[in-house]
Protein backbone atom coordinates (compact mmCIF):
# COMPACT_ATOMS: atom_id res chain seq x y z
CA MET A 1 -1.78 -3.76 -15.89
CA ALA A 2 -3.59 -4.64 -12.69
CA ARG A 3 -6.47 -2.59 -11.35
CA ILE A 4 -6.92 -1.30 -7.81
CA TYR A 5 -9.03 -3.89 -5.97
CA ARG A 6 -9.62 -2.20 -2.63
CA LEU A 7 -8.89 1.20 -1.08
CA ILE A 8 -8.14 1.50 2.62
CA GLY A 9 -8.39 4.96 4.13
CA ALA A 10 -6.21 5.97 7.06
CA THR A 11 -6.89 9.28 8.78
CA LYS A 12 -3.68 9.30 10.83
CA HIS A 13 -0.09 8.49 9.88
CA ASN A 14 0.04 5.87 12.64
CA SER A 15 -3.00 4.13 11.15
CA PHE A 16 -1.35 4.13 7.73
CA THR A 17 1.88 2.70 9.16
CA ASN A 18 -0.03 -0.04 11.00
CA ALA A 19 -1.93 -1.00 7.85
CA VAL A 20 1.32 -1.17 5.84
CA GLU A 21 2.93 -3.38 8.49
CA GLU A 22 -0.04 -5.77 8.47
CA LEU A 23 0.01 -6.08 4.68
CA VAL A 24 3.77 -6.70 4.68
CA ASP A 25 3.20 -9.39 7.34
CA LEU A 26 0.84 -11.04 4.82
CA GLU A 27 3.82 -11.11 2.42
CA LEU A 28 2.38 -8.48 0.09
CA VAL A 29 4.79 -6.10 -1.68
CA ASP A 30 4.36 -2.32 -1.78
CA GLU A 31 4.91 -1.23 -5.39
CA LEU A 32 5.48 2.36 -4.28
CA GLU A 33 7.99 1.64 -1.50
CA ASP A 34 10.94 3.12 -3.42
CA GLU A 35 8.99 5.87 -5.21
CA GLU A 36 8.32 9.42 -4.13
CA GLY A 37 4.79 10.72 -4.36
CA THR A 38 1.58 8.89 -5.06
CA ARG A 39 0.08 6.88 -7.90
CA GLU A 40 -3.63 7.07 -8.70
CA GLY A 41 -3.99 9.02 -5.44
CA CYS A 42 -2.53 6.16 -3.37
CA ASP A 43 0.43 6.35 -0.98
CA ALA A 44 0.96 2.58 -1.19
CA ILE A 45 -0.15 -0.09 -3.65
CA PHE A 46 0.28 -3.70 -2.60
CA ARG A 47 0.42 -6.84 -4.72
CA GLU A 48 1.24 -10.46 -4.21
CA GLU A 49 4.89 -11.40 -4.66
CA GLY A 50 5.71 -12.92 -8.02
């Protein structure tokens, strides 16, 4: 199982949405996209495709 490499804090929902969009643009995949709730206190966890 992979470990969390870096945490990014977003104080506003708009900041969170912008960060998610930028990471998706980098072709990273949100592991929590189809899940409800959080994992390890995170609202989104991104990984490289594959």
